[in-house]
Every structure is written in C-alpha cells, then in structure tokens.
N, C-alpha and C. Protein backbone atom coordinates (compact mmCIF):
# COMPACT_ATOMS: atom_id res chain seq x y z
N MET A 1 13.14 -26.42 -14.07
CA MET A 1 13.19 -24.92 -14.76
C MET A 1 12.27 -23.81 -14.13
N THR A 2 12.45 -22.65 -14.02
CA THR A 2 12.14 -21.70 -13.68
C THR A 2 10.91 -20.89 -14.05
N LYS A 3 9.84 -20.77 -13.48
CA LYS A 3 8.20 -20.20 -14.38
C LYS A 3 8.79 -19.09 -15.19
N ASN A 4 7.85 -18.19 -16.07
CA ASN A 4 8.39 -17.86 -16.37
C ASN A 4 6.97 -16.15 -15.77
N LEU A 5 6.98 -15.49 -15.93
CA LEU A 5 6.27 -14.72 -14.84
C LEU A 5 5.88 -14.65 -15.00
N LYS A 6 5.14 -14.73 -16.53
CA LYS A 6 3.58 -14.86 -16.86
C LYS A 6 3.07 -15.89 -16.17
N ASP A 7 3.62 -17.32 -15.92
CA ASP A 7 3.00 -18.68 -15.38
C ASP A 7 2.47 -18.17 -14.43
N ALA A 8 4.01 -17.70 -13.69
CA ALA A 8 3.71 -17.38 -12.58
C ALA A 8 2.70 -16.55 -11.62
N ALA A 9 2.24 -15.30 -12.69
CA ALA A 9 1.13 -14.48 -12.41
C ALA A 9 0.21 -15.04 -12.03
N GLU A 10 0.26 -16.55 -12.87
CA GLU A 10 -1.26 -16.68 -13.11
C GLU A 10 -1.45 -17.98 -11.65
N GLU A 11 -0.52 -18.28 -11.25
CA GLU A 11 -0.68 -19.08 -10.29
C GLU A 11 -0.77 -17.83 -9.70
N ILE A 12 -0.10 -17.49 -8.88
CA ILE A 12 -0.11 -16.44 -7.86
C ILE A 12 -1.75 -15.81 -7.70
N ARG A 13 -2.20 -14.96 -8.96
CA ARG A 13 -3.39 -14.72 -9.27
C ARG A 13 -4.60 -15.67 -8.48
N ALA A 14 -3.97 -17.04 -9.43
CA ALA A 14 -5.36 -18.06 -8.61
C ALA A 14 -5.10 -18.19 -7.21
N TRP A 15 -4.07 -18.22 -6.40
CA TRP A 15 -4.16 -18.91 -5.21
C TRP A 15 -4.23 -17.49 -4.62
N PHE A 16 -4.39 -16.14 -4.85
CA PHE A 16 -4.97 -15.21 -4.00
C PHE A 16 -6.73 -15.55 -4.17
N ALA A 17 -6.71 -15.82 -4.70
CA ALA A 17 -8.54 -16.36 -5.88
C ALA A 17 -9.20 -16.50 -4.28
N GLY A 18 -8.15 -17.86 -3.77
CA GLY A 18 -8.41 -18.47 -3.15
C GLY A 18 -8.48 -18.19 -1.69
N ARG A 19 -7.62 -17.26 -1.76
CA ARG A 19 -7.24 -16.79 0.27
C ARG A 19 -7.78 -15.63 0.18
N ILE A 20 -8.15 -14.46 -0.37
CA ILE A 20 -8.95 -13.44 0.09
C ILE A 20 -10.11 -13.37 0.47
N PRO A 21 -10.32 -13.03 1.38
CA PRO A 21 -11.91 -13.27 2.54
C PRO A 21 -13.05 -12.72 1.55
N ASP A 22 -14.27 -13.80 1.05
CA ASP A 22 -15.31 -13.32 0.86
C ASP A 22 -16.10 -11.82 1.09
N GLY A 23 -16.06 -10.93 0.01
CA GLY A 23 -16.66 -9.81 1.13
C GLY A 23 -15.44 -8.47 1.77
N TRP A 24 -14.67 -8.79 0.56
CA TRP A 24 -13.99 -7.81 0.87
C TRP A 24 -14.17 -7.09 0.18
N TYR A 25 -13.98 -7.42 -1.40
CA TYR A 25 -13.72 -6.45 -2.11
C TYR A 25 -15.07 -6.40 -3.27
N THR A 26 -15.68 -5.79 -4.10
CA THR A 26 -16.72 -5.94 -5.08
C THR A 26 -17.31 -6.68 -6.00
N ALA A 27 -15.40 -6.75 -6.87
CA ALA A 27 -15.65 -8.00 -7.49
C ALA A 27 -13.60 -8.27 -7.38
N ASP A 28 -13.51 -8.62 -8.50
CA ASP A 28 -11.96 -9.97 -8.36
C ASP A 28 -10.83 -8.63 -7.98
N PRO A 29 -10.22 -8.55 -7.63
CA PRO A 29 -9.23 -7.38 -7.35
C PRO A 29 -8.26 -7.67 -8.12
N GLU A 30 -7.32 -6.59 -8.46
CA GLU A 30 -6.01 -6.49 -9.73
C GLU A 30 -5.59 -6.90 -8.63
N VAL A 31 -4.25 -8.36 -9.26
CA VAL A 31 -3.35 -9.25 -8.38
C VAL A 31 -2.26 -8.32 -10.00
N ALA A 32 -0.63 -7.41 -9.06
CA ALA A 32 -0.37 -7.24 -10.50
C ALA A 32 1.26 -8.00 -9.71
N VAL A 33 1.62 -8.34 -10.58
CA VAL A 33 3.10 -9.38 -10.07
C VAL A 33 4.27 -8.62 -10.76
N ASP A 34 5.35 -8.38 -9.89
CA ASP A 34 7.08 -8.24 -10.87
C ASP A 34 7.69 -9.87 -10.35
N ARG A 35 8.96 -8.85 -10.55
CA ARG A 35 9.91 -10.43 -9.94
C ARG A 35 9.88 -9.98 -8.21
N ASP A 36 9.92 -8.77 -7.66
CA ASP A 36 10.17 -7.93 -6.50
C ASP A 36 9.41 -8.65 -5.51
N GLU A 37 7.33 -8.10 -5.54
CA GLU A 37 6.26 -7.74 -5.54
C GLU A 37 5.18 -8.05 -5.64
N ILE A 38 4.22 -8.17 -5.19
CA ILE A 38 2.32 -8.61 -5.21
C ILE A 38 1.99 -7.96 -4.57
N LEU A 39 0.95 -6.92 -5.54
CA LEU A 39 0.41 -5.90 -5.52
C LEU A 39 -1.22 -6.41 -5.65
N ILE A 40 -2.03 -6.12 -4.71
CA ILE A 40 -3.11 -6.60 -4.67
C ILE A 40 -4.12 -5.25 -4.31
N VAL A 41 -4.96 -5.42 -5.35
CA VAL A 41 -5.72 -3.35 -4.80
C VAL A 41 -7.34 -4.17 -5.36
N GLY A 42 -8.09 -4.01 -4.25
CA GLY A 42 -9.51 -4.21 -5.35
C GLY A 42 -10.63 -2.56 -4.39
N GLU A 43 -11.39 -3.40 -5.46
CA GLU A 43 -12.99 -2.19 -5.62
C GLU A 43 -13.65 -2.54 -4.27
N ILE A 44 -13.76 -1.68 -2.71
CA ILE A 44 -14.58 -1.88 -1.84
C ILE A 44 -16.11 -0.82 -2.34
N GLU A 45 -17.34 -0.98 -1.37
CA GLU A 45 -18.12 -0.90 -1.62
C GLU A 45 -18.20 0.85 -0.99
N GLU A 46 -19.14 1.45 -1.80
CA GLU A 46 -19.21 3.01 -1.64
C GLU A 46 -19.88 3.55 -0.50
N PRO A 47 -19.04 4.53 -0.25
CA PRO A 47 -20.05 5.11 1.09
C PRO A 47 -21.17 5.36 1.39
N SER A 48 -22.20 5.96 1.73
CA SER A 48 -23.20 6.79 1.63
C SER A 48 -23.59 8.14 1.73
N VAL A 49 -23.16 9.20 1.13
CA VAL A 49 -23.46 10.63 1.61
C VAL A 49 -24.59 10.90 0.95
N GLU A 50 -24.90 11.85 1.85
CA GLU A 50 -25.80 13.22 1.44
C GLU A 50 -26.24 13.25 -0.03
N ARG A 51 -27.59 13.30 -0.39
CA ARG A 51 -27.91 13.55 -1.83
C ARG A 51 -27.11 15.10 -1.96
N GLY A 52 -26.18 15.37 -3.48
CA GLY A 52 -26.30 16.36 -3.47
C GLY A 52 -25.15 16.77 -2.73
N ALA A 53 -24.18 16.09 -1.65
CA ALA A 53 -22.93 16.93 -1.23
C ALA A 53 -22.33 16.61 -2.58
N SER A 54 -20.55 17.33 -1.93
CA SER A 54 -20.06 18.01 -2.84
C SER A 54 -18.97 16.90 -3.09
N ASP A 55 -17.91 16.76 -4.18
CA ASP A 55 -17.04 16.48 -4.86
C ASP A 55 -16.31 16.48 -3.57
N GLU A 56 -15.59 16.92 -3.12
CA GLU A 56 -14.98 16.89 -2.10
C GLU A 56 -15.51 16.61 -0.68
N ALA A 57 -16.89 16.31 -0.35
CA ALA A 57 -17.82 15.28 0.75
C ALA A 57 -17.07 13.96 0.24
N ARG A 58 -17.69 13.93 -0.81
CA ARG A 58 -17.48 12.36 -1.10
C ARG A 58 -15.65 11.57 -1.69
N ARG A 59 -15.49 12.32 -1.70
CA ARG A 59 -14.01 11.87 -1.32
C ARG A 59 -12.96 11.93 -0.56
N GLU A 60 -13.88 13.03 0.95
CA GLU A 60 -13.22 12.36 2.33
C GLU A 60 -14.39 11.17 2.66
N ALA A 61 -15.50 10.62 1.84
CA ALA A 61 -16.33 10.20 2.24
C ALA A 61 -15.69 8.43 2.13
N ARG A 62 -14.73 8.48 0.36
CA ARG A 62 -14.02 7.88 0.07
C ARG A 62 -12.42 7.30 0.79
N LEU A 63 -11.87 8.14 1.17
CA LEU A 63 -10.83 8.05 1.99
C LEU A 63 -11.51 7.09 3.33
N GLY A 64 -11.73 8.09 4.01
CA GLY A 64 -12.43 7.38 5.35
C GLY A 64 -12.83 5.31 5.41
N ARG A 65 -13.33 5.59 3.84
CA ARG A 65 -13.82 3.75 3.71
C ARG A 65 -12.93 3.35 3.47
N ILE A 66 -11.75 3.79 3.00
CA ILE A 66 -10.43 2.63 2.63
C ILE A 66 -10.07 3.19 3.95
N GLU A 67 -9.49 3.80 4.75
CA GLU A 67 -8.70 3.46 5.81
C GLU A 67 -9.81 2.44 7.30
N ARG A 68 -10.78 2.63 6.80
CA ARG A 68 -11.66 1.56 7.41
C ARG A 68 -11.32 -0.36 6.99
N PHE A 69 -11.36 0.16 5.81
CA PHE A 69 -11.30 -0.87 5.24
C PHE A 69 -9.95 -1.80 5.65
N ARG A 70 -9.10 -0.91 5.46
CA ARG A 70 -7.26 -0.88 6.06
C ARG A 70 -7.32 -1.59 7.78
N ASP A 71 -7.96 -0.86 8.42
CA ASP A 71 -8.07 -1.41 9.97
C ASP A 71 -8.47 -2.86 9.77
N GLU A 72 -10.34 -2.56 9.49
CA GLU A 72 -10.65 -3.69 10.10
C GLU A 72 -10.03 -5.38 9.20
N THR A 73 -9.17 -4.93 8.10
CA THR A 73 -8.60 -5.79 7.46
C THR A 73 -6.82 -6.23 8.15
N ARG A 74 -6.82 -5.37 8.34
CA ARG A 74 -4.81 -5.72 9.31
C ARG A 74 -4.54 -6.92 9.21
N ASP A 75 -5.32 -7.63 10.45
CA ASP A 75 -4.60 -8.92 11.18
C ASP A 75 -4.78 -9.99 9.95
N LYS A 76 -6.15 -10.31 9.21
CA LYS A 76 -5.71 -11.11 7.93
C LYS A 76 -4.76 -11.22 6.62
N ARG A 77 -5.33 -9.52 6.35
CA ARG A 77 -4.01 -9.39 5.00
C ARG A 77 -2.71 -9.69 5.53
N ILE A 78 -2.70 -9.28 6.72
CA ILE A 78 -0.80 -9.75 7.64
C ILE A 78 -0.67 -11.51 7.45
N GLY A 79 -1.38 -12.07 7.94
CA GLY A 79 -1.67 -13.27 7.50
C GLY A 79 -1.33 -14.05 6.09
N VAL A 80 -2.65 -13.75 5.62
CA VAL A 80 -2.96 -14.12 4.17
C VAL A 80 -1.47 -13.23 3.14
N ALA A 81 -0.27 -12.74 3.50
CA ALA A 81 0.91 -11.77 3.03
C ALA A 81 1.97 -12.78 3.54
N LEU A 82 1.62 -13.06 4.64
CA LEU A 82 2.93 -14.28 5.29
C LEU A 82 3.01 -15.40 4.34
N ALA A 83 1.94 -15.74 4.44
CA ALA A 83 1.81 -17.39 3.57
C ALA A 83 2.03 -16.92 2.36
N ALA A 84 1.63 -16.45 0.99
CA ALA A 84 2.08 -15.64 0.18
C ALA A 84 3.68 -15.30 -0.09
N GLU A 85 4.19 -14.62 0.92
CA GLU A 85 5.14 -14.51 0.86
C GLU A 85 6.29 -15.15 1.02
N ARG A 86 6.06 -16.80 1.74
CA ARG A 86 6.81 -18.06 2.35
C ARG A 86 6.90 -18.91 0.53
N ARG A 87 5.57 -18.59 -0.05
CA ARG A 87 5.45 -19.98 -1.26
C ARG A 87 5.69 -19.12 -2.39
N PHE A 88 5.99 -17.82 -2.20
CA PHE A 88 6.60 -17.17 -3.84
C PHE A 88 7.17 -16.63 -4.09
N ARG A 89 8.06 -16.49 -2.78
CA ARG A 89 9.29 -15.49 -2.43
C ARG A 89 9.14 -14.09 -2.99
N ARG A 90 8.06 -13.73 -3.05
CA ARG A 90 8.24 -11.91 -3.21
C ARG A 90 7.07 -11.43 -2.39
N LYS A 91 8.06 -10.30 -1.74
CA LYS A 91 6.87 -9.09 -0.90
C LYS A 91 5.33 -9.07 -1.05
N VAL A 92 4.18 -9.03 -0.50
CA VAL A 92 3.16 -8.60 -0.87
C VAL A 92 2.28 -7.12 -0.34
N SER A 93 2.00 -6.21 -1.29
CA SER A 93 1.30 -5.29 -0.70
C SER A 93 0.29 -5.24 -1.08
N TRP A 94 -1.13 -4.44 -0.32
CA TRP A 94 -2.36 -4.09 -0.42
C TRP A 94 -2.69 -2.77 -1.28
N GLY A 95 -3.81 -3.14 -1.53
CA GLY A 95 -4.49 -1.02 -1.61
C GLY A 95 -6.22 -1.90 -1.42
N ALA A 96 -6.42 -0.07 -1.50
CA ALA A 96 -7.66 -0.90 -2.14
C ALA A 96 -8.21 0.97 -2.86
N GLU A 97 -9.71 0.10 -3.38
CA GLU A 97 -10.31 1.73 -4.17
C GLU A 97 -11.89 1.47 -4.13
N CYS A 98 -11.92 2.94 -4.36
CA CYS A 98 -13.51 3.34 -3.45
C CYS A 98 -13.95 4.64 -4.72
N GLY A 99 -14.28 4.33 -5.39
CA GLY A 99 -14.50 5.35 -6.67
C GLY A 99 -13.46 5.59 -7.55
N ASP A 100 -13.22 7.00 -7.13
CA ASP A 100 -12.37 7.50 -8.16
C ASP A 100 -10.98 8.01 -7.28
N VAL A 101 -10.92 6.42 -5.68
CA VAL A 101 -9.85 6.98 -4.73
C VAL A 101 -9.64 6.31 -4.82
N ARG A 102 -7.86 5.77 -4.87
CA ARG A 102 -7.12 4.55 -4.76
C ARG A 102 -6.02 5.07 -4.12
N ARG A 103 -5.61 3.94 -3.29
CA ARG A 103 -4.91 3.84 -2.30
C ARG A 103 -4.08 2.73 -2.08
N HIS A 104 -2.95 2.91 -2.30
CA HIS A 104 -1.87 1.67 -1.68
C HIS A 104 -1.52 1.59 -0.21
N PHE A 105 -1.62 0.41 0.61
CA PHE A 105 -1.13 0.71 1.68
C PHE A 105 -0.14 0.12 2.53
N THR A 106 0.93 -0.82 1.48
CA THR A 106 2.29 -1.11 1.55
C THR A 106 3.11 -0.60 0.52
N THR A 107 3.56 -0.60 0.22
CA THR A 107 4.17 -1.08 -1.37
C THR A 107 5.86 -1.45 -1.07
N LEU A 108 6.74 -1.52 -2.27
CA LEU A 108 7.64 -2.17 -1.74
C LEU A 108 8.19 -0.90 -2.47
N SER A 109 9.55 -0.52 -1.86
CA SER A 109 10.45 0.77 -2.58
C SER A 109 11.43 -0.31 -2.77
N VAL A 110 11.77 -0.89 -4.26
CA VAL A 110 13.33 -1.53 -4.53
C VAL A 110 14.33 -0.66 -5.31
N PRO A 111 15.58 -0.69 -4.55
CA PRO A 111 16.61 0.09 -5.05
C PRO A 111 16.86 -0.24 -6.50
N VAL A 112 17.07 0.55 -7.44
CA VAL A 112 17.69 -0.24 -8.44
C VAL A 112 19.38 0.46 -9.40
N MET A 113 19.64 -0.19 -9.47
CA MET A 113 21.52 0.54 -9.72
C MET A 113 21.26 0.28 -11.64
N THR A 114 22.01 2.10 -11.99
CA THR A 114 21.94 2.27 -12.98
C THR A 114 23.28 3.32 -13.60
N ARG A 115 23.66 2.92 -14.18
CA ARG A 115 24.91 3.90 -14.57
C ARG A 115 24.89 4.87 -16.11
N LEU A 116 24.59 5.82 -15.28
CA LEU A 116 24.26 7.61 -16.85
C LEU A 116 25.02 8.40 -17.13
N ARG A 117 25.30 9.02 -18.09
CA ARG A 117 26.25 9.40 -18.71
C ARG A 117 25.86 11.53 -18.12
N MET A 118 26.99 11.44 -17.84
CA MET A 118 26.93 13.60 -17.82
C MET A 118 25.71 13.87 -18.40
N ALA A 119 24.91 13.68 -19.34
CA ALA A 119 23.81 14.11 -20.17
C ALA A 119 22.39 13.85 -19.16
N GLU A 120 22.95 12.98 -19.26
CA GLU A 120 21.69 11.74 -18.14
C GLU A 120 21.56 12.76 -16.65
N ARG A 121 23.04 12.44 -16.34
CA ARG A 121 22.66 12.86 -14.82
C ARG A 121 22.29 14.17 -14.73
N SER A 122 22.98 15.13 -16.02
CA SER A 122 22.29 16.52 -15.41
C SER A 122 20.93 16.90 -16.06
N VAL A 123 20.14 15.80 -16.21
CA VAL A 123 18.62 16.23 -16.37
C VAL A 123 18.35 15.89 -14.98
N LEU A 124 18.73 14.70 -14.10
CA LEU A 124 18.23 14.58 -12.79
C LEU A 124 18.84 15.53 -11.78
N ASP A 125 19.55 16.33 -12.29
CA ASP A 125 20.40 17.55 -11.23
C ASP A 125 19.55 18.50 -11.39
N THR A 126 18.92 18.67 -12.88
CA THR A 126 18.09 20.19 -12.95
C THR A 126 17.17 19.76 -12.34
N LEU A 127 16.29 18.80 -12.32
CA LEU A 127 14.76 18.36 -11.84
C LEU A 127 15.33 18.15 -10.24
N VAL A 128 16.35 18.39 -9.20
CA VAL A 128 16.85 18.74 -7.65
C VAL A 128 16.89 19.66 -7.70
N ASP A 129 17.30 20.93 -8.57
CA ASP A 129 17.84 21.95 -8.41
C ASP A 129 16.78 23.25 -8.48
N ALA A 130 15.44 22.61 -9.36
CA ALA A 130 14.25 23.11 -9.87
C ALA A 130 13.20 22.96 -8.56
N GLY A 131 13.70 21.73 -7.67
CA GLY A 131 13.19 21.76 -6.70
C GLY A 131 11.39 20.67 -7.08
N VAL A 132 11.51 19.86 -8.38
CA VAL A 132 11.29 18.92 -8.38
C VAL A 132 10.83 17.55 -7.86
N ALA A 133 12.53 17.55 -7.67
CA ALA A 133 12.72 15.92 -7.01
C ALA A 133 13.84 16.01 -5.87
N ARG A 134 13.72 15.54 -4.40
CA ARG A 134 14.33 16.21 -4.06
C ARG A 134 15.92 15.15 -3.76
N SER A 135 15.97 13.98 -4.60
CA SER A 135 17.23 13.94 -4.73
C SER A 135 17.71 13.01 -6.12
N ARG A 136 18.63 12.33 -6.74
CA ARG A 136 18.75 12.25 -8.40
C ARG A 136 17.77 10.39 -7.90
N SER A 137 17.73 10.07 -7.31
CA SER A 137 16.36 8.38 -7.39
C SER A 137 15.20 9.10 -7.40
N HIS A 138 15.22 10.41 -6.54
CA HIS A 138 13.49 10.60 -6.96
C HIS A 138 13.50 11.10 -7.98
N ALA A 139 14.70 11.99 -9.04
CA ALA A 139 14.21 13.00 -9.81
C ALA A 139 13.59 11.34 -11.32
N LEU A 140 14.76 10.41 -10.69
CA LEU A 140 15.00 9.17 -11.85
C LEU A 140 13.60 8.23 -11.52
N ALA A 141 12.93 8.36 -10.16
CA ALA A 141 11.59 7.39 -10.36
C ALA A 141 10.30 8.63 -10.95
N TRP A 142 10.66 9.44 -10.48
CA TRP A 142 9.73 10.95 -11.22
C TRP A 142 9.55 10.60 -12.90
N CYS A 143 10.70 10.73 -13.62
CA CYS A 143 10.73 10.00 -15.02
C CYS A 143 10.75 8.71 -15.26
N VAL A 144 10.52 8.02 -14.82
CA VAL A 144 9.68 6.65 -15.53
C VAL A 144 8.40 6.61 -14.77
N ALA A 145 7.85 7.64 -14.49
CA ALA A 145 6.86 7.59 -14.06
C ALA A 145 5.48 8.33 -15.11
N LEU A 146 6.34 9.37 -15.60
CA LEU A 146 6.01 10.11 -16.63
C LEU A 146 6.03 9.72 -17.93
N VAL A 147 6.99 8.63 -18.13
CA VAL A 147 7.23 8.00 -19.26
C VAL A 147 6.26 6.50 -18.86
N ALA A 148 5.88 6.58 -18.03
CA ALA A 148 4.59 5.24 -18.05
C ALA A 148 2.80 6.36 -18.12
N ARG A 149 3.36 7.04 -17.66
CA ARG A 149 1.90 8.02 -18.15
C ARG A 149 1.91 9.02 -19.42
N ARG A 150 2.81 8.36 -20.17
CA ARG A 150 2.87 9.53 -21.38
C ARG A 150 2.63 8.21 -22.16
N GLN A 151 3.67 7.64 -22.01
CA GLN A 151 3.50 6.82 -23.46
C GLN A 151 3.33 4.95 -22.84
N GLY A 152 1.74 5.38 -22.21
CA GLY A 152 1.62 3.98 -21.26
C GLY A 152 0.68 2.81 -22.38
N GLU A 153 -0.28 3.28 -23.52
CA GLU A 153 0.04 2.70 -24.40
C GLU A 153 1.29 2.03 -25.37
N TRP A 154 2.50 2.90 -25.96
CA TRP A 154 3.63 2.03 -26.15
C TRP A 154 3.69 0.92 -25.20
N LEU A 155 3.87 0.94 -24.00
CA LEU A 155 4.97 -0.27 -22.90
C LEU A 155 3.10 -1.09 -22.80
N GLU A 156 2.19 -0.92 -23.08
CA GLU A 156 1.42 -2.17 -23.36
C GLU A 156 1.47 -2.75 -25.11
N ASP A 157 1.77 -2.60 -25.88
CA ASP A 157 2.20 -2.92 -26.89
C ASP A 157 3.27 -3.99 -27.20
N LEU A 158 4.12 -3.20 -26.49
CA LEU A 158 5.43 -3.53 -25.94
C LEU A 158 5.52 -5.19 -24.53
N ARG A 159 4.79 -4.68 -23.51
CA ARG A 159 4.37 -6.20 -22.95
C ARG A 159 3.76 -7.04 -23.77
N GLU A 160 2.41 -6.68 -24.51
CA GLU A 160 1.89 -7.31 -25.20
C GLU A 160 2.86 -8.57 -26.54
N ALA A 161 3.61 -7.72 -27.04
CA ALA A 161 4.95 -8.39 -27.75
C ALA A 161 5.38 -9.02 -26.90
N PHE A 162 6.20 -8.73 -26.20
CA PHE A 162 7.22 -10.00 -25.59
C PHE A 162 6.18 -11.02 -24.87
N ALA A 163 5.01 -10.74 -24.84
CA ALA A 163 4.31 -12.08 -24.36
C ALA A 163 4.20 -13.08 -25.94
N GLU A 164 3.80 -12.65 -26.73
CA GLU A 164 3.70 -13.48 -27.76
C GLU A 164 5.45 -14.63 -28.08
N VAL A 165 6.53 -12.76 -27.70
CA VAL A 165 7.92 -14.09 -28.04
C VAL A 165 7.67 -14.90 -27.26
N GLU A 166 7.29 -14.65 -25.64
CA GLU A 166 7.40 -15.84 -24.97
C GLU A 166 6.38 -17.36 -25.14
N ARG A 167 5.53 -17.13 -25.66
CA ARG A 167 4.49 -17.75 -26.13
C ARG A 167 5.59 -18.84 -27.63
N VAL A 168 5.68 -18.11 -28.09
CA VAL A 168 6.65 -18.63 -29.25
C VAL A 168 8.23 -19.18 -28.85
N ARG A 169 8.11 -18.78 -27.51
CA ARG A 169 9.44 -19.20 -27.58
C ARG A 169 9.12 -20.80 -26.43
N ALA A 170 8.28 -20.84 -26.20
CA ALA A 170 7.51 -22.14 -24.55
C ALA A 170 7.23 -22.70 -25.42
N GLU A 171 6.85 -22.50 -26.99
CA GLU A 171 6.41 -23.92 -28.01
C GLU A 171 7.55 -24.65 -28.56
N GLY A 172 8.73 -23.29 -29.03
CA GLY A 172 9.49 -24.08 -30.05
C GLY A 172 11.03 -25.62 -29.47
N PRO A 173 12.11 -25.67 -29.70
CA PRO A 173 12.20 -26.74 -28.90
C PRO A 173 13.26 -26.78 -27.64
N THR A 174 13.13 -27.36 -26.78
CA THR A 174 13.54 -27.55 -25.57
C THR A 174 15.35 -28.17 -25.92
N VAL A 175 16.12 -27.52 -25.19
CA VAL A 175 17.26 -27.78 -25.11
C VAL A 175 18.09 -28.71 -24.30
C-alpha cells in the first residue's frame, strides 16, 4: 500500500533529521514535501556587522553568509541529496535563511498541464501583453503565487480539513 503524503513527509523529515550534519542550521530546518520534491531550508547564523549598519548593509551581509554556506556545504548537500533521491524517489532542493533573507539554491520546476477556455487564456495573454509575465506558463505561475499569497489562510484551512479527511479515512474499514 502506498503511503499518503503526510506519512511520507513525516518519514522524510525524520530521515533528514538524522542525515543533516550538526551545526549547519541554528534550529531544525523546514522540510517541505510534495509528490515531486523535497525542499530543505534552515536558518543559519547571522553575520556580525558594524553597530548602526544600514539595512542594505545587513542584507548584503546576510546574502554573503548564505552564499558562503552554500559553497561550504555543497559537496555534503549533494551526497545527502543523492541518498535521499534514491530512497524517496523525489528530487531534493536546498535553501537557507539568514535573518529576513531567504534563498533557495536549487528548486525543481515541474511542468503542469492544464486546459483553459478562451476567457482564462485571455487573462494569461493580458499578463503577457502587459509585460507582467514572459509567457502563458510564467503568467499561470504568477497567478498561482498571487493566490497563495492572498489566500494563504484559506489554503491552510483547506489543507487542515483535508488532513482530517485523511485521518478519518485511515481509521475506516479496509477493503
């Protein structure tokens, strides 16, 4: 029987908790899982900056710290990712967060096929024509990001409701 996504995510998080070297992150990293990808993002130590430094200087120091972390951990991250990809049959992506700066080093871009009627295609074409997006595909990704940002609370409620349905379903009779 195939594991549901919630159970698979729990197993994956536990596996990474044992595999990620101590000291990489200042706290347990976020491990996000979907059907295609595992994304690990952890908080790294803040760099020291002069007292009274501008916000821009702090941002540059944080970006530099993230790039340093990326360079210094590359070989080990690749090794962990290869082992995880074999075991979980998902691509592994990494990122880091330092203060208010968050960067993903590698992320998977998965094609998604959809069928749109003329009215929906018109929305995408308008975004392309206005220069908001480079293509219909980019316009659709922009729309999805906008919904996620504007309707985040509703989407979280929906995910929680779905998790409850999965829990009740798992307690039901087996066929």
